[in-house]
Amino acid sequence: MDESDLPMEWRRQPPDEAEIAEVASDWAVFVRYCEERGLVALPASQDTVLAFLRDPPVVGPRLFAIWTAIDRQHESIYWHIDANAVLRLETYSFVHVRTDGTIDWAPERH
């Protein structure tokens, strides 16, 4: 298990540093949000990402950029879907942020 208590086999060796650098400024917004609330940003839980979406510090296309950064940050380190809350929300709960920043909520979350 790694420092986040996830299987080491799920980690990319080495992490995709170019991907991490590409989303750094948008990722920083999510990290700051998590730090201010005592939440874990990496790996983020589905509840953490949902909390961010319910009370986002940004709106519009910037919200989409941060949603994408959360996904890409996780994907750059972990290849497994269970380590990526964005992929789990999209795949299993049907929650998605559109490019204009509108959120498609799962029917039961409406």
Protein backbone atom coordinates (compact mmCIF):
# COMPACT_ATOMS: atom_id res chain seq x y z
CA MET A 1 0.00 0.00 0.00
CA ASP A 2 1.15 3.55 -0.65
CA GLU A 3 1.02 6.59 1.64
CA SER A 4 -2.67 7.06 0.74
CA ASP A 5 -3.46 3.43 1.61
CA LEU A 6 -4.02 2.53 -2.04
CA PRO A 7 -2.33 -0.43 -3.74
CA MET A 8 1.12 0.42 -5.12
CA GLU A 9 0.12 -1.48 -8.27
CA TRP A 10 -2.34 1.32 -9.06
CA ARG A 11 0.41 3.93 -9.25
CA ARG A 12 2.04 5.11 -12.43
CA GLN A 13 5.78 4.57 -12.30
CA PRO A 14 6.91 7.29 -12.65
CA PRO A 15 4.02 9.78 -12.30
CA ASP A 16 3.30 11.88 -15.38
CA GLU A 17 5.11 15.09 -14.33
CA ALA A 18 4.16 16.92 -17.55
CA GLU A 19 0.49 16.25 -16.86
CA ILE A 20 0.87 17.44 -13.28
CA ALA A 21 2.55 20.68 -14.39
CA GLU A 22 -0.08 21.33 -17.07
CA VAL A 23 -2.96 21.47 -14.57
CA ALA A 24 -1.04 22.97 -11.62
CA SER A 25 -2.84 26.32 -11.36
CA ASP A 26 -6.34 24.80 -11.57
CA TRP A 27 -5.36 21.96 -9.24
CA ALA A 28 -4.12 24.53 -6.70
CA VAL A 29 -7.66 25.94 -6.39
CA PHE A 30 -8.99 22.50 -5.41
CA VAL A 31 -6.11 21.89 -3.00
CA ARG A 32 -6.72 25.25 -1.31
CA TYR A 33 -10.45 24.44 -1.04
CA CYS A 34 -9.61 21.10 0.61
CA GLU A 35 -7.03 22.58 2.98
CA GLU A 36 -9.47 25.25 4.17
CA ARG A 37 -11.99 22.54 5.06
CA GLY A 38 -9.64 19.86 6.38
CA LEU A 39 -10.31 17.56 3.41
CA VAL A 40 -7.88 15.33 1.54
CA ALA A 41 -7.22 16.49 -2.02
CA LEU A 42 -5.16 13.51 -3.21
CA PRO A 43 -6.61 11.04 -3.50
CA ALA A 44 -9.89 12.89 -3.21
CA SER A 45 -12.96 10.99 -2.16
CA GLN A 46 -16.20 11.25 -4.08
CA ASP A 47 -17.70 13.11 -1.12
CA THR A 48 -14.88 15.67 -1.24
CA VAL A 49 -15.39 16.32 -4.95
CA LEU A 50 -19.17 16.50 -4.50
CA ALA A 51 -18.72 19.02 -1.66
CA PHE A 52 -16.54 21.11 -3.97
CA LEU A 53 -19.22 21.00 -6.69
CA ARG A 54 -21.99 21.95 -4.26
CA ASP A 55 -20.09 25.01 -3.02
CA PRO A 56 -17.53 25.86 -5.71
CA PRO A 57 -15.25 28.86 -5.26
CA VAL A 58 -15.48 29.46 -9.02
CA VAL A 59 -18.14 29.15 -11.71
CA GLY A 60 -18.42 28.81 -15.46
CA PRO A 61 -15.58 27.50 -17.60
CA ARG A 62 -13.16 27.81 -14.67
CA LEU A 63 -15.20 25.20 -12.76
CA PHE A 64 -14.84 22.85 -15.72
CA ALA A 65 -11.07 23.53 -15.80
CA ILE A 66 -10.76 22.60 -12.12
CA TRP A 67 -12.94 19.49 -12.56
CA THR A 68 -10.62 18.48 -15.38
CA ALA A 69 -7.54 19.25 -13.25
CA ILE A 70 -8.83 17.04 -10.42
CA ASP A 71 -9.27 14.21 -12.91
CA ARG A 72 -5.92 14.74 -14.63
CA GLN A 73 -3.99 15.13 -11.37
CA HIS A 74 -5.32 11.81 -10.13
CA GLU A 75 -4.83 10.16 -13.52
CA SER A 76 -1.22 11.33 -13.66
CA ILE A 77 -0.43 9.38 -10.49
CA TYR A 78 -2.95 6.53 -10.42
CA TRP A 79 -4.20 4.54 -13.40
CA HIS A 80 -7.00 2.73 -11.51
CA ILE A 81 -10.55 4.14 -11.53
CA ASP A 82 -10.94 3.50 -7.80
CA ALA A 83 -8.25 6.13 -7.13
CA ASN A 84 -10.00 8.82 -9.20
CA ALA A 85 -13.18 10.32 -7.74
CA VAL A 86 -13.97 12.22 -10.95
CA LEU A 87 -13.97 9.03 -13.01
CA ARG A 88 -16.05 7.22 -10.39
CA LEU A 89 -18.57 10.07 -10.25
CA GLU A 90 -18.88 10.16 -14.03
CA THR A 91 -19.00 6.39 -14.47
CA TYR A 92 -21.09 5.25 -11.54
CA SER A 93 -23.03 8.31 -10.35
CA PHE A 94 -23.50 10.15 -13.65
CA VAL A 95 -22.22 13.46 -12.29
CA HIS A 96 -20.43 15.59 -14.86
CA VAL A 97 -19.29 19.18 -15.27
CA ARG A 98 -19.83 20.62 -18.75
CA THR A 99 -17.36 22.95 -20.45
CA ASP A 100 -19.56 25.96 -19.60
CA GLY A 101 -19.44 25.01 -15.91
CA THR A 102 -22.96 23.66 -15.59
CA ILE A 103 -23.23 20.47 -13.59
CA ASP A 104 -25.17 17.41 -14.64
CA TRP A 105 -26.22 15.81 -11.35
CA ALA A 106 -27.24 12.21 -10.90
CA PRO A 107 -31.03 12.01 -10.55
CA GLU A 108 -30.82 11.06 -6.87
CA ARG A 109 -28.55 14.07 -6.12
CA HIS A 110 -30.96 16.63 -7.60
